[in-house]
Amino acid sequence: WTEGVPVEDEARRQLMNTARMPFIFRHLAVMPDVHLGKGSTI
């Protein structure tokens, strides 16, 4: 949900890493305040 707000490339890579974990259910949901975080994307 990021229409009209920037998303860093590093945050996108971090999200993709999390999405590849085998126990994720259906999909990740990403809010418009998204940015790089420690461990997982804020």
Full PDB file with SEQRES, HELIX, SHEET, SSBOND, CRYST1, ORIGX, SCALE, CONECT and MASTER records, all heavy atoms in Angstrom:
SEQRES   1 A   42  TRP THR GLU GLY VAL PRO VAL GLU ASP GLU ALA ARG ARG          
SEQRES   2 A   42  GLN LEU MET ASN THR ALA ARG MET PRO PHE ILE PHE ARG          
SEQRES   3 A   42  HIS LEU ALA VAL MET PRO ASP VAL HIS LEU GLY LYS GLY          
SEQRES   4 A   42  SER THR ILE                                                  
HELIX    1 AA1 ASP A    9  ALA A   19  1                                  11    
CRYST1    1.000    1.000    1.000  90.00  90.00  90.00 P 1           1          
ORIGX1      1.000000  0.000000  0.000000        0.00000                         
ORIGX2      0.000000  1.000000  0.000000        0.00000                         
ORIGX3      0.000000  0.000000  1.000000        0.00000                         
SCALE1      1.000000  0.000000  0.000000        0.00000                         
SCALE2      0.000000  1.000000  0.000000        0.00000                         
SCALE3      0.000000  0.000000  1.000000        0.00000                         
ATOM      1  N   TRP A   1       0.867  -1.182   0.000  1.00  0.00           N  
ATOM      2  CA  TRP A   1       0.000   0.000   0.000  1.00  0.00           C  
ATOM      3  C   TRP A   1       0.908   1.238   0.000  1.00  0.00           C  
ATOM      4  O   TRP A   1       1.044   1.935   0.995  1.00  0.00           O  
ATOM      5  CB  TRP A   1      -0.912  -0.006   1.229  1.00  0.00           C  
ATOM      6  CG  TRP A   1      -2.107  -0.894   1.061  1.00  0.00           C  
ATOM      7  CD1 TRP A   1      -3.379  -0.506   0.752  1.00  0.00           C  
ATOM      8  CD2 TRP A   1      -2.168  -2.326   1.193  1.00  0.00           C  
ATOM      9  NE1 TRP A   1      -4.212  -1.599   0.674  1.00  0.00           N  
ATOM     10  CE2 TRP A   1      -3.495  -2.726   0.934  1.00  0.00           C  
ATOM     11  CE3 TRP A   1      -1.206  -3.299   1.491  1.00  0.00           C  
ATOM     12  CZ2 TRP A   1      -3.904  -4.052   0.978  1.00  0.00           C  
ATOM     13  CZ3 TRP A   1      -1.610  -4.627   1.526  1.00  0.00           C  
ATOM     14  CH2 TRP A   1      -2.940  -4.993   1.271  1.00  0.00           C  
ATOM     15  N   THR A   2       1.579   1.469  -1.122  1.00  0.00           N  
ATOM     16  CA  THR A   2       2.627   2.496  -1.178  1.00  0.00           C  
ATOM     17  C   THR A   2       2.442   3.455  -2.352  1.00  0.00           C  
ATOM     18  O   THR A   2       3.404   4.102  -2.769  1.00  0.00           O  
ATOM     19  CB  THR A   2       4.021   1.833  -1.257  1.00  0.00           C  
ATOM     20  OG1 THR A   2       4.045   0.919  -2.364  1.00  0.00           O  
ATOM     21  CG2 THR A   2       4.348   1.084   0.026  1.00  0.00           C  
ATOM     22  N   GLU A   3       1.236   3.576  -2.848  1.00  0.00           N  
ATOM     23  CA  GLU A   3       0.976   4.485  -3.964  1.00  0.00           C  
ATOM     24  C   GLU A   3       1.338   5.923  -3.568  1.00  0.00           C  
ATOM     25  O   GLU A   3       0.837   6.462  -2.581  1.00  0.00           O  
ATOM     26  CB  GLU A   3      -0.513   4.420  -4.334  1.00  0.00           C  
ATOM     27  CG  GLU A   3      -0.937   5.361  -5.434  1.00  0.00           C  
ATOM     28  CD  GLU A   3      -2.459   5.415  -5.573  1.00  0.00           C  
ATOM     29  OE1 GLU A   3      -3.118   4.392  -5.291  1.00  0.00           O  
ATOM     30  OE2 GLU A   3      -2.971   6.472  -5.946  1.00  0.00           O  
ATOM     31  N   GLY A   4       2.260   6.533  -4.323  1.00  0.00           N  
ATOM     32  CA  GLY A   4       2.622   7.926  -4.083  1.00  0.00           C  
ATOM     33  C   GLY A   4       3.650   8.154  -2.989  1.00  0.00           C  
ATOM     34  O   GLY A   4       3.956   9.311  -2.671  1.00  0.00           O  
ATOM     35  N   VAL A   5       4.206   7.077  -2.400  1.00  0.00           N  
ATOM     36  CA  VAL A   5       5.260   7.238  -1.384  1.00  0.00           C  
ATOM     37  C   VAL A   5       6.473   6.388  -1.781  1.00  0.00           C  
ATOM     38  O   VAL A   5       6.323   5.317  -2.375  1.00  0.00           O  
ATOM     39  CB  VAL A   5       4.777   6.839   0.038  1.00  0.00           C  
ATOM     40  CG1 VAL A   5       3.737   7.821   0.543  1.00  0.00           C  
ATOM     41  CG2 VAL A   5       4.235   5.432   0.080  1.00  0.00           C  
ATOM     42  N   PRO A   6       7.672   6.863  -1.476  1.00  0.00           N  
ATOM     43  CA  PRO A   6       8.874   6.137  -1.905  1.00  0.00           C  
ATOM     44  C   PRO A   6       9.124   4.878  -1.075  1.00  0.00           C  
ATOM     45  O   PRO A   6       8.779   4.818   0.109  1.00  0.00           O  
ATOM     46  CB  PRO A   6       9.995   7.162  -1.682  1.00  0.00           C  
ATOM     47  CG  PRO A   6       9.484   8.057  -0.586  1.00  0.00           C  
ATOM     48  CD  PRO A   6       8.000   8.127  -0.775  1.00  0.00           C  
ATOM     49  N   VAL A   7       9.717   3.874  -1.715  1.00  0.00           N  
ATOM     50  CA  VAL A   7      10.149   2.650  -1.029  1.00  0.00           C  
ATOM     51  C   VAL A   7      11.603   2.413  -1.411  1.00  0.00           C  
ATOM     52  O   VAL A   7      11.925   2.280  -2.598  1.00  0.00           O  
ATOM     53  CB  VAL A   7       9.297   1.427  -1.433  1.00  0.00           C  
ATOM     54  CG1 VAL A   7       9.750   0.195  -0.645  1.00  0.00           C  
ATOM     55  CG2 VAL A   7       7.816   1.692  -1.217  1.00  0.00           C  
ATOM     56  N   GLU A   8      12.496   2.362  -0.419  1.00  0.00           N  
ATOM     57  CA  GLU A   8      13.927   2.169  -0.699  1.00  0.00           C  
ATOM     58  C   GLU A   8      14.175   0.800  -1.331  1.00  0.00           C  
ATOM     59  O   GLU A   8      13.496  -0.176  -1.002  1.00  0.00           O  
ATOM     60  CB  GLU A   8      14.754   2.216   0.603  1.00  0.00           C  
ATOM     61  CG  GLU A   8      14.437   3.309   1.574  1.00  0.00           C  
ATOM     62  CD  GLU A   8      14.590   2.819   3.010  1.00  0.00           C  
ATOM     63  OE1 GLU A   8      13.675   2.149   3.507  1.00  0.00           O  
ATOM     64  OE2 GLU A   8      15.631   3.123   3.614  1.00  0.00           O  
ATOM     65  N   ASP A   9      15.179   0.731  -2.189  1.00  0.00           N  
ATOM     66  CA  ASP A   9      15.566  -0.556  -2.776  1.00  0.00           C  
ATOM     67  C   ASP A   9      15.979  -1.543  -1.690  1.00  0.00           C  
ATOM     68  O   ASP A   9      15.676  -2.734  -1.776  1.00  0.00           O  
ATOM     69  CB  ASP A   9      16.718  -0.360  -3.768  1.00  0.00           C  
ATOM     70  CG  ASP A   9      16.278   0.366  -5.039  1.00  0.00           C  
ATOM     71  OD1 ASP A   9      15.050   0.381  -5.319  1.00  0.00           O  
ATOM     72  OD2 ASP A   9      17.149   0.922  -5.738  1.00  0.00           O  
ATOM     73  N   GLU A  10      16.690  -1.037  -0.657  1.00  0.00           N  
ATOM     74  CA  GLU A  10      17.129  -1.924   0.430  1.00  0.00           C  
ATOM     75  C   GLU A  10      15.939  -2.511   1.175  1.00  0.00           C  
ATOM     76  O   GLU A  10      15.962  -3.678   1.575  1.00  0.00           O  
ATOM     77  CB  GLU A  10      18.018  -1.159   1.426  1.00  0.00           C  
ATOM     78  CG  GLU A  10      19.333  -0.682   0.843  1.00  0.00           C  
ATOM     79  CD  GLU A  10      19.225   0.752   0.316  1.00  0.00           C  
ATOM     80  OE1 GLU A  10      18.100   1.170  -0.068  1.00  0.00           O  
ATOM     81  OE2 GLU A  10      20.255   1.434   0.281  1.00  0.00           O  
ATOM     82  N   ALA A  11      14.882  -1.710   1.332  1.00  0.00           N  
ATOM     83  CA  ALA A  11      13.674  -2.211   1.991  1.00  0.00           C  
ATOM     84  C   ALA A  11      13.002  -3.280   1.140  1.00  0.00           C  
ATOM     85  O   ALA A  11      12.525  -4.302   1.662  1.00  0.00           O  
ATOM     86  CB  ALA A  11      12.709  -1.066   2.277  1.00  0.00           C  
ATOM     87  N   ARG A  12      12.971  -3.079  -0.161  1.00  0.00           N  
ATOM     88  CA  ARG A  12      12.378  -4.088  -1.055  1.00  0.00           C  
ATOM     89  C   ARG A  12      13.147  -5.403  -0.970  1.00  0.00           C  
ATOM     90  O   ARG A  12      12.545  -6.485  -0.925  1.00  0.00           O  
ATOM     91  CB  ARG A  12      12.360  -3.584  -2.502  1.00  0.00           C  
ATOM     92  CG  ARG A  12      11.330  -2.497  -2.768  1.00  0.00           C  
ATOM     93  CD  ARG A  12      11.262  -2.159  -4.247  1.00  0.00           C  
ATOM     94  NE  ARG A  12      10.385  -1.030  -4.506  1.00  0.00           N  
ATOM     95  CZ  ARG A  12       9.064  -1.118  -4.662  1.00  0.00           C  
ATOM     96  NH1 ARG A  12       8.484  -2.307  -4.602  1.00  0.00           N  
ATOM     97  NH2 ARG A  12       8.337  -0.043  -4.900  1.00  0.00           N  
ATOM     98  N   ARG A  13      14.486  -5.315  -0.935  1.00  0.00           N  
ATOM     99  CA  ARG A  13      15.292  -6.541  -0.835  1.00  0.00           C  
ATOM    100  C   ARG A  13      15.021  -7.249   0.487  1.00  0.00           C  
ATOM    101  O   ARG A  13      14.922  -8.482   0.543  1.00  0.00           O  
ATOM    102  CB  ARG A  13      16.779  -6.204  -0.966  1.00  0.00           C  
ATOM    103  CG  ARG A  13      17.222  -5.982  -2.403  1.00  0.00           C  
ATOM    104  CD  ARG A  13      18.735  -5.982  -2.525  1.00  0.00           C  
ATOM    105  NE  ARG A  13      19.332  -4.793  -1.934  1.00  0.00           N  
ATOM    106  CZ  ARG A  13      19.533  -3.656  -2.593  1.00  0.00           C  
ATOM    107  NH1 ARG A  13      19.176  -3.548  -3.855  1.00  0.00           N  
ATOM    108  NH2 ARG A  13      20.101  -2.621  -1.987  1.00  0.00           N  
ATOM    109  N   GLN A  14      14.904  -6.458   1.562  1.00  0.00           N  
ATOM    110  CA  GLN A  14      14.643  -7.035   2.877  1.00  0.00           C  
ATOM    111  C   GLN A  14      13.270  -7.733   2.887  1.00  0.00           C  
ATOM    112  O   GLN A  14      13.120  -8.841   3.430  1.00  0.00           O  
ATOM    113  CB  GLN A  14      14.697  -5.930   3.935  1.00  0.00           C  
ATOM    114  CG  GLN A  14      14.796  -6.423   5.363  1.00  0.00           C  
ATOM    115  CD  GLN A  14      15.007  -5.264   6.328  1.00  0.00           C  
ATOM    116  OE1 GLN A  14      14.343  -4.238   6.223  1.00  0.00           O  
ATOM    117  NE2 GLN A  14      15.917  -5.431   7.274  1.00  0.00           N  
ATOM    118  N   LEU A  15      12.281  -7.099   2.277  1.00  0.00           N  
ATOM    119  CA  LEU A  15      10.946  -7.698   2.198  1.00  0.00           C  
ATOM    120  C   LEU A  15      10.978  -9.006   1.410  1.00  0.00           C  
ATOM    121  O   LEU A  15      10.337 -10.000   1.803  1.00  0.00           O  
ATOM    122  CB  LEU A  15       9.973  -6.717   1.536  1.00  0.00           C  
ATOM    123  CG  LEU A  15       9.563  -5.509   2.374  1.00  0.00           C  
ATOM    124  CD1 LEU A  15       8.925  -4.441   1.490  1.00  0.00           C  
ATOM    125  CD2 LEU A  15       8.598  -5.924   3.487  1.00  0.00           C  
ATOM    126  N   MET A  16      11.711  -9.032   0.318  1.00  0.00           N  
ATOM    127  CA  MET A  16      11.793 -10.248  -0.498  1.00  0.00           C  
ATOM    128  C   MET A  16      12.460 -11.383   0.271  1.00  0.00           C  
ATOM    129  O   MET A  16      12.045 -12.541   0.168  1.00  0.00           O  
ATOM    130  CB  MET A  16      12.521  -9.957  -1.808  1.00  0.00           C  
ATOM    131  CG  MET A  16      11.719  -9.060  -2.738  1.00  0.00           C  
ATOM    132  SD  MET A  16      12.563  -8.642  -4.273  1.00  0.00           S  
ATOM    133  CE  MET A  16      12.432 -10.197  -5.159  1.00  0.00           C  
ATOM    134  N   ASN A  17      13.479 -11.057   1.072  1.00  0.00           N  
ATOM    135  CA  ASN A  17      14.114 -12.083   1.905  1.00  0.00           C  
ATOM    136  C   ASN A  17      13.107 -12.699   2.875  1.00  0.00           C  
ATOM    137  O   ASN A  17      13.064 -13.917   3.061  1.00  0.00           O  
ATOM    138  CB  ASN A  17      15.282 -11.482   2.686  1.00  0.00           C  
ATOM    139  CG  ASN A  17      16.510 -11.253   1.833  1.00  0.00           C  
ATOM    140  OD1 ASN A  17      16.658 -11.842   0.758  1.00  0.00           O  
ATOM    141  ND2 ASN A  17      17.401 -10.391   2.299  1.00  0.00           N  
ATOM    142  N   THR A  18      12.303 -11.839   3.492  1.00  0.00           N  
ATOM    143  CA  THR A  18      11.304 -12.342   4.445  1.00  0.00           C  
ATOM    144  C   THR A  18      10.246 -13.174   3.721  1.00  0.00           C  
ATOM    145  O   THR A  18       9.826 -14.231   4.219  1.00  0.00           O  
ATOM    146  CB  THR A  18      10.637 -11.167   5.189  1.00  0.00           C  
ATOM    147  OG1 THR A  18      11.642 -10.371   5.824  1.00  0.00           O  
ATOM    148  CG2 THR A  18       9.662 -11.672   6.244  1.00  0.00           C  
ATOM    149  N   ALA A  19       9.830 -12.722   2.553  1.00  0.00           N  
ATOM    150  CA  ALA A  19       8.779 -13.423   1.798  1.00  0.00           C  
ATOM    151  C   ALA A  19       9.209 -14.824   1.370  1.00  0.00           C  
ATOM    152  O   ALA A  19       8.354 -15.674   1.069  1.00  0.00           O  
ATOM    153  CB  ALA A  19       8.382 -12.599   0.579  1.00  0.00           C  
ATOM    154  N   ARG A  20      10.509 -15.076   1.338  1.00  0.00           N  
ATOM    155  CA  ARG A  20      11.011 -16.395   0.928  1.00  0.00           C  
ATOM    156  C   ARG A  20      11.050 -17.399   2.088  1.00  0.00           C  
ATOM    157  O   ARG A  20      11.357 -18.580   1.852  1.00  0.00           O  
ATOM    158  CB  ARG A  20      12.412 -16.256   0.324  1.00  0.00           C  
ATOM    159  CG  ARG A  20      12.425 -15.562  -1.030  1.00  0.00           C  
ATOM    160  CD  ARG A  20      13.769 -15.682  -1.727  1.00  0.00           C  
ATOM    161  NE  ARG A  20      13.747 -15.015  -3.020  1.00  0.00           N  
ATOM    162  CZ  ARG A  20      14.261 -13.814  -3.267  1.00  0.00           C  
ATOM    163  NH1 ARG A  20      14.869 -13.147  -2.285  1.00  0.00           N  
ATOM    164  NH2 ARG A  20      14.184 -13.277  -4.456  1.00  0.00           N  
ATOM    165  N   MET A  21      10.774 -16.957   3.296  1.00  0.00           N  
ATOM    166  CA  MET A  21      10.770 -17.902   4.404  1.00  0.00           C  
ATOM    167  C   MET A  21       9.627 -18.890   4.209  1.00  0.00           C  
ATOM    168  O   MET A  21       8.520 -18.502   3.820  1.00  0.00           O  
ATOM    169  CB  MET A  21      10.650 -17.165   5.734  1.00  0.00           C  
ATOM    170  CG  MET A  21      11.797 -16.173   6.002  1.00  0.00           C  
ATOM    171  SD  MET A  21      13.442 -16.922   5.924  1.00  0.00           S  
ATOM    172  CE  MET A  21      13.446 -17.858   7.450  1.00  0.00           C  
ATOM    173  N   PRO A  22       9.856 -20.180   4.482  1.00  0.00           N  
ATOM    174  CA  PRO A  22       8.892 -21.217   4.078  1.00  0.00           C  
ATOM    175  C   PRO A  22       7.573 -21.212   4.847  1.00  0.00           C  
ATOM    176  O   PRO A  22       6.607 -21.840   4.410  1.00  0.00           O  
ATOM    177  CB  PRO A  22       9.657 -22.518   4.349  1.00  0.00           C  
ATOM    178  CG  PRO A  22      10.682 -22.157   5.384  1.00  0.00           C  
ATOM    179  CD  PRO A  22      11.076 -20.745   5.080  1.00  0.00           C  
ATOM    180  N   PHE A  23       7.517 -20.495   5.949  1.00  0.00           N  
ATOM    181  CA  PHE A  23       6.318 -20.535   6.797  1.00  0.00           C  
ATOM    182  C   PHE A  23       5.458 -19.270   6.669  1.00  0.00           C  
ATOM    183  O   PHE A  23       4.515 -19.084   7.435  1.00  0.00           O  
ATOM    184  CB  PHE A  23       6.717 -20.746   8.260  1.00  0.00           C  
ATOM    185  CG  PHE A  23       7.903 -19.908   8.684  1.00  0.00           C  
ATOM    186  CD1 PHE A  23       7.768 -18.554   8.951  1.00  0.00           C  
ATOM    187  CD2 PHE A  23       9.165 -20.479   8.772  1.00  0.00           C  
ATOM    188  CE1 PHE A  23       8.850 -17.784   9.305  1.00  0.00           C  
ATOM    189  CE2 PHE A  23      10.265 -19.710   9.141  1.00  0.00           C  
ATOM    190  CZ  PHE A  23      10.107 -18.363   9.406  1.00  0.00           C  
ATOM    191  N   ILE A  24       5.771 -18.389   5.720  1.00  0.00           N  
ATOM    192  CA  ILE A  24       4.935 -17.199   5.499  1.00  0.00           C  
ATOM    193  C   ILE A  24       3.565 -17.647   4.990  1.00  0.00           C  
ATOM    194  O   ILE A  24       3.465 -18.498   4.100  1.00  0.00           O  
ATOM    195  CB  ILE A  24       5.600 -16.238   4.485  1.00  0.00           C  
ATOM    196  CG1 ILE A  24       6.947 -15.725   5.022  1.00  0.00           C  
ATOM    197  CG2 ILE A  24       4.661 -15.070   4.153  1.00  0.00           C  
ATOM    198  CD1 ILE A  24       6.880 -14.919   6.291  1.00  0.00           C  
ATOM    199  N   PHE A  25       2.509 -17.062   5.523  1.00  0.00           N  
ATOM    200  CA  PHE A  25       1.139 -17.411   5.161  1.00  0.00           C  
ATOM    201  C   PHE A  25       0.600 -16.438   4.110  1.00  0.00           C  
ATOM    202  O   PHE A  25       0.531 -15.225   4.368  1.00  0.00           O  
ATOM    203  CB  PHE A  25       0.259 -17.386   6.415  1.00  0.00           C  
ATOM    204  CG  PHE A  25      -1.202 -17.611   6.157  1.00  0.00           C  
ATOM    205  CD1 PHE A  25      -1.672 -18.869   5.820  1.00  0.00           C  
ATOM    206  CD2 PHE A  25      -2.111 -16.560   6.259  1.00  0.00           C  
ATOM    207  CE1 PHE A  25      -3.018 -19.085   5.588  1.00  0.00           C  
ATOM    208  CE2 PHE A  25      -3.462 -16.760   6.028  1.00  0.00           C  
ATOM    209  CZ  PHE A  25      -3.926 -18.031   5.687  1.00  0.00           C  
ATOM    210  N   ARG A  26       0.277 -16.930   2.950  1.00  0.00           N  
ATOM    211  CA  ARG A  26      -0.369 -16.214   1.829  1.00  0.00           C  
ATOM    212  C   ARG A  26       0.483 -15.107   1.213  1.00  0.00           C  
ATOM    213  O   ARG A  26       0.883 -15.188   0.072  1.00  0.00           O  
ATOM    214  CB  ARG A  26      -1.734 -15.634   2.249  1.00  0.00           C  
ATOM    215  CG  ARG A  26      -2.813 -16.683   2.381  1.00  0.00           C  
ATOM    216  CD  ARG A  26      -4.149 -16.050   2.704  1.00  0.00           C  
ATOM    217  NE  ARG A  26      -4.688 -15.293   1.578  1.00  0.00           N  
ATOM    218  CZ  ARG A  26      -5.619 -15.767   0.742  1.00  0.00           C  
ATOM    219  NH1 ARG A  26      -6.088 -16.994   0.897  1.00  0.00           N  
ATOM    220  NH2 ARG A  26      -6.082 -15.014  -0.231  1.00  0.00           N  
ATOM    221  N   HIS A  27       0.773 -14.030   1.952  1.00  0.00           N  
ATOM    222  CA  HIS A  27       1.550 -12.914   1.406  1.00  0.00           C  
ATOM    223  C   HIS A  27       2.003 -12.007   2.545  1.00  0.00           C  
ATOM    224  O   HIS A  27       1.495 -12.111   3.668  1.00  0.00           O  
ATOM    225  CB  HIS A  27       0.733 -12.105   0.392  1.00  0.00           C  
ATOM    226  CG  HIS A  27      -0.514 -11.482   0.963  1.00  0.00           C  
ATOM    227  ND1 HIS A  27      -1.741 -12.097   0.931  1.00  0.00           N  
ATOM    228  CD2 HIS A  27      -0.738 -10.280   1.588  1.00  0.00           C  
ATOM    229  CE1 HIS A  27      -2.654 -11.329   1.499  1.00  0.00           C  
ATOM    230  NE2 HIS A  27      -2.064 -10.209   1.908  1.00  0.00           N  
ATOM    231  N   LEU A  28       2.964 -11.142   2.270  1.00  0.00           N  
ATOM    232  CA  LEU A  28       3.309 -10.056   3.186  1.00  0.00           C  
ATOM    233  C   LEU A  28       2.458  -8.845   2.830  1.00  0.00           C  
ATOM    234  O   LEU A  28       2.184  -8.595   1.652  1.00  0.00           O  
ATOM    235  CB  LEU A  28       4.788  -9.660   3.065  1.00  0.00           C  
ATOM    236  CG  LEU A  28       5.870 -10.668   3.417  1.00  0.00           C  
ATOM    237  CD1 LEU A  28       7.239  -9.984   3.359  1.00  0.00           C  
ATOM    238  CD2 LEU A  28       5.648 -11.292   4.775  1.00  0.00           C  
ATOM    239  N   ALA A  29       2.079  -8.076   3.847  1.00  0.00           N  
ATOM    240  CA  ALA A  29       1.383  -6.808   3.613  1.00  0.00           C  
ATOM    241  C   ALA A  29       2.308  -5.678   4.044  1.00  0.00           C  
ATOM    242  O   ALA A  29       2.885  -5.726   5.138  1.00  0.00           O  
ATOM    243  CB  ALA A  29       0.077  -6.758   4.406  1.00  0.00           C  
ATOM    244  N   VAL A  30       2.460  -4.674   3.188  1.00  0.00           N  
ATOM    245  CA  VAL A  30       3.426  -3.601   3.425  1.00  0.00           C  
ATOM    246  C   VAL A  30       2.697  -2.265   3.483  1.00  0.00           C  
ATOM    247  O   VAL A  30       1.959  -1.905   2.561  1.00  0.00           O  
ATOM    248  CB  VAL A  30       4.513  -3.586   2.323  1.00  0.00           C  
ATOM    249  CG1 VAL A  30       5.491  -2.442   2.553  1.00  0.00           C  
ATOM    250  CG2 VAL A  30       5.244  -4.924   2.307  1.00  0.00           C  
ATOM    251  N   MET A  31       2.924  -1.549   4.558  1.00  0.00           N  
ATOM    252  CA  MET A  31       2.241  -0.285   4.801  1.00  0.00           C  
ATOM    253  C   MET A  31       3.011   0.889   4.170  1.00  0.00           C  
ATOM    254  O   MET A  31       4.209   0.772   3.898  1.00  0.00           O  
ATOM    255  CB  MET A  31       2.087  -0.063   6.311  1.00  0.00           C  
ATOM    256  CG  MET A  31       1.331  -1.191   7.041  1.00  0.00           C  
ATOM    257  SD  MET A  31      -0.373  -1.372   6.478  1.00  0.00           S  
ATOM    258  CE  MET A  31      -0.269  -2.838   5.451  1.00  0.00           C  
ATOM    259  N   PRO A  32       2.366   2.042   3.968  1.00  0.00           N  
ATOM    260  CA  PRO A  32       3.019   3.144   3.254  1.00  0.00           C  
ATOM    261  C   PRO A  32       4.164   3.823   4.007  1.00  0.00           C  
ATOM    262  O   PRO A  32       4.931   4.581   3.395  1.00  0.00           O  
ATOM    263  CB  PRO A  32       1.871   4.130   2.999  1.00  0.00           C  
ATOM    264  CG  PRO A  32       0.815   3.774   3.974  1.00  0.00           C  
ATOM    265  CD  PRO A  32       0.934   2.307   4.202  1.00  0.00           C  
ATOM    266  N   ASP A  33       4.308   3.549   5.311  1.00  0.00           N  
ATOM    267  CA  ASP A  33       5.439   4.125   6.058  1.00  0.00           C  
ATOM    268  C   ASP A  33       6.653   3.206   6.022  1.00  0.00           C  
ATOM    269  O   ASP A  33       7.588   3.376   6.808  1.00  0.00           O  
ATOM    270  CB  ASP A  33       5.035   4.424   7.500  1.00  0.00           C  
ATOM    271  CG  ASP A  33       4.501   3.209   8.251  1.00  0.00           C  
ATOM    272  OD1 ASP A  33       4.132   2.209   7.585  1.00  0.00           O  
ATOM    273  OD2 ASP A  33       4.428   3.247   9.492  1.00  0.00           O  
ATOM    274  N   VAL A  34       6.674   2.251   5.107  1.00  0.00           N  
ATOM    275  CA  VAL A  34       7.717   1.225   5.056  1.00  0.00           C  
ATOM    276  C   VAL A  34       9.110   1.827   4.907  1.00  0.00           C  
ATOM    277  O   VAL A  34       9.321   2.776   4.158  1.00  0.00           O  
ATOM    278  CB  VAL A  34       7.422   0.241   3.896  1.00  0.00           C  
ATOM    279  CG1 VAL A  34       7.382   0.963   2.548  1.00  0.00           C  
ATOM    280  CG2 VAL A  34       8.424  -0.894   3.867  1.00  0.00           C  
ATOM    281  N   HIS A  35      10.071   1.265   5.663  1.00  0.00           N  
ATOM    282  CA  HIS A  35      11.484   1.600   5.470  1.00  0.00           C  
ATOM    283  C   HIS A  35      12.357   0.514   6.087  1.00  0.00           C  
ATOM    284  O   HIS A  35      11.886  -0.312   6.871  1.00  0.00           O  
ATOM    285  CB  HIS A  35      11.846   2.988   6.028  1.00  0.00           C  
ATOM    286  CG  HIS A  35      11.579   3.169   7.485  1.00  0.00           C  
ATOM    287  ND1 HIS A  35      10.320   3.398   7.994  1.00  0.00           N  
ATOM    288  CD2 HIS A  35      12.408   3.185   8.557  1.00  0.00           C  
ATOM    289  CE1 HIS A  35      10.382   3.544   9.304  1.00  0.00           C  
ATOM    290  NE2 HIS A  35      11.637   3.406   9.676  1.00  0.00           N  
ATOM    291  N   LEU A  36      13.614   0.532   5.708  1.00  0.00           N  
ATOM    292  CA  LEU A  36      14.576  -0.477   6.156  1.00  0.00           C  
ATOM    293  C   LEU A  36      14.613  -0.546   7.676  1.00  0.00           C  
ATOM    294  O   LEU A  36      14.620   0.482   8.355  1.00  0.00           O  
ATOM    295  CB  LEU A  36      15.963  -0.128   5.610  1.00  0.00           C  
ATOM    296  CG  LEU A  36      17.074  -1.163   5.817  1.00  0.00           C  
ATOM    297  CD1 LEU A  36      16.836  -2.384   4.958  1.00  0.00           C  
ATOM    298  CD2 LEU A  36      18.436  -0.530   5.491  1.00  0.00           C  
ATOM    299  N   GLY A  37      14.629  -1.747   8.210  1.00  0.00           N  
ATOM    300  CA  GLY A  37      14.703  -1.925   9.658  1.00  0.00           C  
ATOM    301  C   GLY A  37      15.678  -3.022  10.028  1.00  0.00           C  
ATOM    302  O   GLY A  37      16.159  -3.757   9.158  1.00  0.00           O  
ATOM    303  N   LYS A  38      15.959  -3.137  11.310  1.00  0.00           N  
ATOM    304  CA  LYS A  38      16.824  -4.213  11.786  1.00  0.00           C  
ATOM    305  C   LYS A  38      15.984  -5.478  11.901  1.00  0.00           C  
ATOM    306  O   LYS A  38      14.935  -5.480  12.522  1.00  0.00           O  
ATOM    307  CB  LYS A  38      17.431  -3.848  13.147  1.00  0.00           C  
ATOM    308  CG  LYS A  38      18.327  -4.943  13.729  1.00  0.00           C  
ATOM    309  CD  LYS A  38      18.988  -4.497  15.011  1.00  0.00           C  
ATOM    310  CE  LYS A  38      19.653  -5.654  15.755  1.00  0.00           C  
ATOM    311  NZ  LYS A  38      20.609  -6.409  14.945  1.00  0.00           N  
ATOM    312  N   GLY A  39      16.435  -6.548  11.279  1.00  0.00           N  
ATOM    313  CA  GLY A  39      15.703  -7.802  11.350  1.00  0.00           C  
ATOM    314  C   GLY A  39      14.674  -7.923  10.251  1.00  0.00           C  
ATOM    315  O   GLY A  39      14.778  -8.764   9.370  1.00  0.00           O  
ATOM    316  N   SER A  40      13.670  -7.080  10.295  1.00  0.00           N  
ATOM    317  CA  SER A  40      12.652  -7.055   9.247  1.00  0.00           C  
ATOM    318  C   SER A  40      12.274  -5.612   8.950  1.00  0.00           C  
ATOM    319  O   SER A  40      12.562  -4.706   9.734  1.00  0.00           O  
ATOM    320  CB  SER A  40      11.407  -7.844   9.670  1.00  0.00           C  
ATOM    321  OG  SER A  40      11.643  -9.229   9.591  1.00  0.00           O  
ATOM    322  N   THR A  41      11.591  -5.429   7.848  1.00  0.00           N  
ATOM    323  CA  THR A  41      11.261  -4.099   7.368  1.00  0.00           C  
ATOM    324  C   THR A  41      10.216  -3.443   8.254  1.00  0.00           C  
ATOM    325  O   THR A  41       9.178  -4.042   8.565  1.00  0.00           O  
ATOM    326  CB  THR A  41      10.721  -4.203   5.936  1.00  0.00           C  
ATOM    327  OG1 THR A  41      11.478  -5.190   5.230  1.00  0.00           O  
ATOM    328  CG2 THR A  41      10.841  -2.880   5.222  1.00  0.00           C  
ATOM    329  N   ILE A  42      10.469  -2.218   8.674  1.00  0.00           N  
ATOM    330  CA  ILE A  42       9.490  -1.463   9.449  1.00  0.00           C  
ATOM    331  C   ILE A  42       8.338  -1.080   8.523  1.00  0.00           C  
ATOM    332  O   ILE A  42       8.557  -0.662   7.381  1.00  0.00           O  
ATOM    333  CB  ILE A  42      10.156  -0.229  10.085  1.00  0.00           C  
ATOM    334  CG1 ILE A  42      11.227  -0.683  11.077  1.00  0.00           C  
ATOM    335  CG2 ILE A  42       9.115   0.653  10.777  1.00  0.00           C  
ATOM    336  CD1 ILE A  42      12.179   0.389  11.524  1.00  0.00           C  
TER     337      ILE A  42                                                      
MASTER        0    0    0    1    0    0    0    6  336    1    0    4          
END                                                                             
